[in-house]
Amino acid sequence: MDDGHVNCPQGRRVITRRAEQTKWRRGPRWKKMLADHAHIPEAECAVCHRKHGQVMTYRNGNIKYDKKGNEKHVVLTINHTDRICYLDEELYLTWNPARMRVECTTCNWMYEQGKIPCPDCLKKGIVVYIK
């Protein structure tokens, strides 16, 4: 019977590590780093060049809406492109432009899946992700 417990030591390690990093992202240092780098008016996604708060659209130009009928907006975050940043709280929460970059949450998520925006589509102002 599976009662939700993880018996594999590596599985427990992953769950513990994710919980620890979630705690880092809820703290004031992470929020200040976001405010200083990702949520400033001139900040834009390093990959797709969308700005924080910009209304999201589909390829045909129609506005995207969430399940409640509200317009979806671009949210910028900080992507740690160097895995060394995940080893320690100090590295994770200290801005380092050589190891971090400002990205929208969608590009950050796609980066983790090994996808990038299509360069030809980006020239047209459309964001379509490819492997």
C-alpha atoms as a PDB file:
ATOM      1  CA  MET A   1       0.000   0.000   0.000  1.00  0.00           C
ATOM      2  CA  ASP A   2       1.307   3.452  -0.941  1.00  0.00           C
ATOM      3  CA  ASP A   3       0.713   5.898   1.888  1.00  0.00           C
ATOM      4  CA  GLY A   4       2.555   8.803   0.239  1.00  0.00           C
ATOM      5  CA  HIS A   5       5.959   8.056   1.747  1.00  0.00           C
ATOM      6  CA  VAL A   6       9.064   7.877  -0.373  1.00  0.00           C
ATOM      7  CA  ASN A   7      11.311   4.927   0.434  1.00  0.00           C
ATOM      8  CA  CYS A   8      14.046   5.656  -2.081  1.00  0.00           C
ATOM      9  CA  PRO A   9      16.855   7.704  -0.445  1.00  0.00           C
ATOM     10  CA  GLN A  10      17.416   9.740  -3.623  1.00  0.00           C
ATOM     11  CA  GLY A  11      13.690  10.469  -3.841  1.00  0.00           C
ATOM     12  CA  ARG A  12      13.700  11.748  -0.259  1.00  0.00           C
ATOM     13  CA  ARG A  13      16.772  13.860  -1.015  1.00  0.00           C
ATOM     14  CA  VAL A  14      15.060  15.480  -4.017  1.00  0.00           C
ATOM     15  CA  ILE A  15      11.897  16.252  -2.046  1.00  0.00           C
ATOM     16  CA  THR A  16      13.915  17.740   0.819  1.00  0.00           C
ATOM     17  CA  ARG A  17      16.027  19.845  -1.545  1.00  0.00           C
ATOM     18  CA  ARG A  18      12.984  21.212  -3.375  1.00  0.00           C
ATOM     19  CA  ALA A  19      11.375  22.145  -0.060  1.00  0.00           C
ATOM     20  CA  GLU A  20      14.559  23.932   0.976  1.00  0.00           C
ATOM     21  CA  GLN A  21      14.723  25.929  -2.271  1.00  0.00           C
ATOM     22  CA  THR A  22      11.037  26.814  -1.981  1.00  0.00           C
ATOM     23  CA  LYS A  23      11.821  28.273   1.446  1.00  0.00           C
ATOM     24  CA  TRP A  24      14.601  30.383  -0.127  1.00  0.00           C
ATOM     25  CA  ARG A  25      12.174  31.751  -2.729  1.00  0.00           C
ATOM     26  CA  ARG A  26       9.665  32.784  -0.063  1.00  0.00           C
ATOM     27  CA  GLY A  27      12.209  34.823   1.869  1.00  0.00           C
ATOM     28  CA  PRO A  28      12.891  38.567   1.748  1.00  0.00           C
ATOM     29  CA  ARG A  29      16.284  38.222   0.005  1.00  0.00           C
ATOM     30  CA  TRP A  30      14.736  36.485  -3.025  1.00  0.00           C
ATOM     31  CA  LYS A  31      11.910  39.030  -3.180  1.00  0.00           C
ATOM     32  CA  LYS A  32      14.415  41.887  -3.024  1.00  0.00           C
ATOM     33  CA  MET A  33      16.510  40.337  -5.806  1.00  0.00           C
ATOM     34  CA  LEU A  34      13.383  40.060  -7.966  1.00  0.00           C
ATOM     35  CA  ALA A  35      12.435  43.660  -7.196  1.00  0.00           C
ATOM     36  CA  ASP A  36      15.947  44.897  -8.020  1.00  0.00           C
ATOM     37  CA  HIS A  37      16.461  42.968 -11.264  1.00  0.00           C
ATOM     38  CA  ALA A  38      13.289  41.410 -12.687  1.00  0.00           C
ATOM     39  CA  HIS A  39      10.463  43.725 -11.654  1.00  0.00           C
ATOM     40  CA  ILE A  40      11.989  47.057 -12.662  1.00  0.00           C
ATOM     41  CA  PRO A  41      10.369  48.951 -15.572  1.00  0.00           C
ATOM     42  CA  GLU A  42      13.279  48.452 -18.003  1.00  0.00           C
ATOM     43  CA  ALA A  43      13.622  44.712 -17.323  1.00  0.00           C
ATOM     44  CA  GLU A  44      12.766  42.330 -20.134  1.00  0.00           C
ATOM     45  CA  CYS A  45      13.078  38.619 -20.747  1.00  0.00           C
ATOM     46  CA  ALA A  46      16.578  37.820 -22.017  1.00  0.00           C
ATOM     47  CA  VAL A  47      15.115  35.218 -24.377  1.00  0.00           C
ATOM     48  CA  CYS A  48      11.811  36.500 -25.819  1.00  0.00           C
ATOM     49  CA  HIS A  49      12.195  40.208 -24.865  1.00  0.00           C
ATOM     50  CA  ARG A  50       8.750  40.525 -23.276  1.00  0.00           C
ATOM     51  CA  LYS A  51       8.407  42.966 -20.376  1.00  0.00           C
ATOM     52  CA  HIS A  52       7.085  42.373 -16.860  1.00  0.00           C
ATOM     53  CA  GLY A  53       3.335  42.967 -16.755  1.00  0.00           C
ATOM     54  CA  GLN A  54       2.892  42.906 -20.536  1.00  0.00           C
ATOM     55  CA  VAL A  55      -0.356  41.275 -21.695  1.00  0.00           C
ATOM     56  CA  MET A  56       0.239  37.800 -23.164  1.00  0.00           C
ATOM     57  CA  THR A  57      -1.135  36.998 -26.618  1.00  0.00           C
ATOM     58  CA  TYR A  58      -1.527  34.022 -28.916  1.00  0.00           C
ATOM     59  CA  ARG A  59       0.154  33.779 -32.333  1.00  0.00           C
ATOM     60  CA  ASN A  60      -2.881  35.359 -33.977  1.00  0.00           C
ATOM     61  CA  GLY A  61      -2.712  38.374 -31.642  1.00  0.00           C
ATOM     62  CA  ASN A  62      -5.673  37.436 -29.433  1.00  0.00           C
ATOM     63  CA  ILE A  63      -5.222  38.065 -25.714  1.00  0.00           C
ATOM     64  CA  LYS A  64      -4.674  35.058 -23.447  1.00  0.00           C
ATOM     65  CA  TYR A  65      -7.036  34.620 -20.501  1.00  0.00           C
ATOM     66  CA  ASP A  66      -6.774  32.466 -17.385  1.00  0.00           C
ATOM     67  CA  LYS A  67      -9.492  30.083 -16.168  1.00  0.00           C
ATOM     68  CA  LYS A  68     -11.245  32.907 -14.299  1.00  0.00           C
ATOM     69  CA  GLY A  69     -11.438  35.107 -17.411  1.00  0.00           C
ATOM     70  CA  ASN A  70      -8.668  37.527 -16.400  1.00  0.00           C
ATOM     71  CA  GLU A  71      -6.009  38.654 -18.879  1.00  0.00           C
ATOM     72  CA  LYS A  72      -2.699  36.792 -18.480  1.00  0.00           C
ATOM     73  CA  HIS A  73       0.362  38.965 -17.956  1.00  0.00           C
ATOM     74  CA  VAL A  74       4.070  38.249 -18.384  1.00  0.00           C
ATOM     75  CA  VAL A  75       5.855  37.631 -15.086  1.00  0.00           C
ATOM     76  CA  LEU A  76       9.633  37.977 -15.015  1.00  0.00           C
ATOM     77  CA  THR A  77      11.801  35.882 -12.733  1.00  0.00           C
ATOM     78  CA  ILE A  78      15.471  35.028 -12.371  1.00  0.00           C
ATOM     79  CA  ASN A  79      16.786  31.904 -14.078  1.00  0.00           C
ATOM     80  CA  HIS A  80      19.879  30.315 -12.558  1.00  0.00           C
ATOM     81  CA  THR A  81      21.572  29.069 -15.727  1.00  0.00           C
ATOM     82  CA  ASP A  82      24.516  27.601 -13.804  1.00  0.00           C
ATOM     83  CA  ARG A  83      23.619  24.614 -11.617  1.00  0.00           C
ATOM     84  CA  ILE A  84      26.277  25.647  -9.081  1.00  0.00           C
ATOM     85  CA  CYS A  85      23.809  28.298  -7.851  1.00  0.00           C
ATOM     86  CA  TYR A  86      21.547  25.563  -6.498  1.00  0.00           C
ATOM     87  CA  LEU A  87      24.189  24.170  -4.129  1.00  0.00           C
ATOM     88  CA  ASP A  88      24.038  26.892  -1.530  1.00  0.00           C
ATOM     89  CA  GLU A  89      21.562  29.504  -0.296  1.00  0.00           C
ATOM     90  CA  GLU A  90      24.162  32.273  -0.552  1.00  0.00           C
ATOM     91  CA  LEU A  91      24.910  31.480  -4.210  1.00  0.00           C
ATOM     92  CA  TYR A  92      21.202  31.167  -4.996  1.00  0.00           C
ATOM     93  CA  LEU A  93      20.294  34.523  -3.451  1.00  0.00           C
ATOM     94  CA  THR A  94      23.252  36.645  -4.605  1.00  0.00           C
ATOM     95  CA  TRP A  95      22.877  38.294  -8.024  1.00  0.00           C
ATOM     96  CA  ASN A  96      25.549  37.130 -10.470  1.00  0.00           C
ATOM     97  CA  PRO A  97      24.941  38.110 -14.127  1.00  0.00           C
ATOM     98  CA  ALA A  98      27.407  35.435 -15.291  1.00  0.00           C
ATOM     99  CA  ARG A  99      25.249  32.697 -13.734  1.00  0.00           C
ATOM    100  CA  MET A 100      21.766  34.228 -13.789  1.00  0.00           C
ATOM    101  CA  ARG A 101      19.519  36.077 -16.182  1.00  0.00           C
ATOM    102  CA  VAL A 102      16.096  37.669 -16.116  1.00  0.00           C
ATOM    103  CA  GLU A 103      13.513  35.615 -17.991  1.00  0.00           C
ATOM    104  CA  CYS A 104       9.756  35.347 -18.149  1.00  0.00           C
ATOM    105  CA  THR A 105       8.406  32.343 -16.285  1.00  0.00           C
ATOM    106  CA  THR A 106       7.455  30.669 -19.577  1.00  0.00           C
ATOM    107  CA  CYS A 107      10.962  30.933 -21.053  1.00  0.00           C
ATOM    108  CA  ASN A 108      12.409  29.768 -17.731  1.00  0.00           C
ATOM    109  CA  TRP A 109      10.149  26.711 -17.780  1.00  0.00           C
ATOM    110  CA  MET A 110      10.943  25.989 -21.444  1.00  0.00           C
ATOM    111  CA  TYR A 111      14.691  26.396 -20.761  1.00  0.00           C
ATOM    112  CA  GLU A 112      14.410  23.598 -18.204  1.00  0.00           C
ATOM    113  CA  GLN A 113      12.760  21.438 -20.900  1.00  0.00           C
ATOM    114  CA  GLY A 114      15.533  22.183 -23.412  1.00  0.00           C
ATOM    115  CA  LYS A 115      13.429  24.466 -25.619  1.00  0.00           C
ATOM    116  CA  ILE A 116      14.073  27.938 -27.023  1.00  0.00           C
ATOM    117  CA  PRO A 117      11.917  30.410 -28.953  1.00  0.00           C
ATOM    118  CA  CYS A 118      12.035  29.950 -32.720  1.00  0.00           C
ATOM    119  CA  PRO A 119      14.400  32.689 -34.029  1.00  0.00           C
ATOM    120  CA  ASP A 120      12.369  33.247 -37.213  1.00  0.00           C
ATOM    121  CA  CYS A 121       9.112  33.600 -35.264  1.00  0.00           C
ATOM    122  CA  LEU A 122      10.747  35.966 -32.752  1.00  0.00           C
ATOM    123  CA  LYS A 123      11.709  38.315 -35.602  1.00  0.00           C
ATOM    124  CA  LYS A 124       7.985  38.537 -36.367  1.00  0.00           C
ATOM    125  CA  GLY A 125       7.170  39.208 -32.699  1.00  0.00           C
ATOM    126  CA  ILE A 126       5.716  35.738 -32.118  1.00  0.00           C
ATOM    127  CA  VAL A 127       6.955  33.406 -29.370  1.00  0.00           C
ATOM    128  CA  VAL A 128       6.887  29.731 -30.414  1.00  0.00           C
ATOM    129  CA  TYR A 129       9.166  27.260 -28.605  1.00  0.00           C
ATOM    130  CA  ILE A 130      11.213  24.599 -30.393  1.00  0.00           C
ATOM    131  CA  LYS A 131      13.735  21.967 -29.216  1.00  0.00           C
END
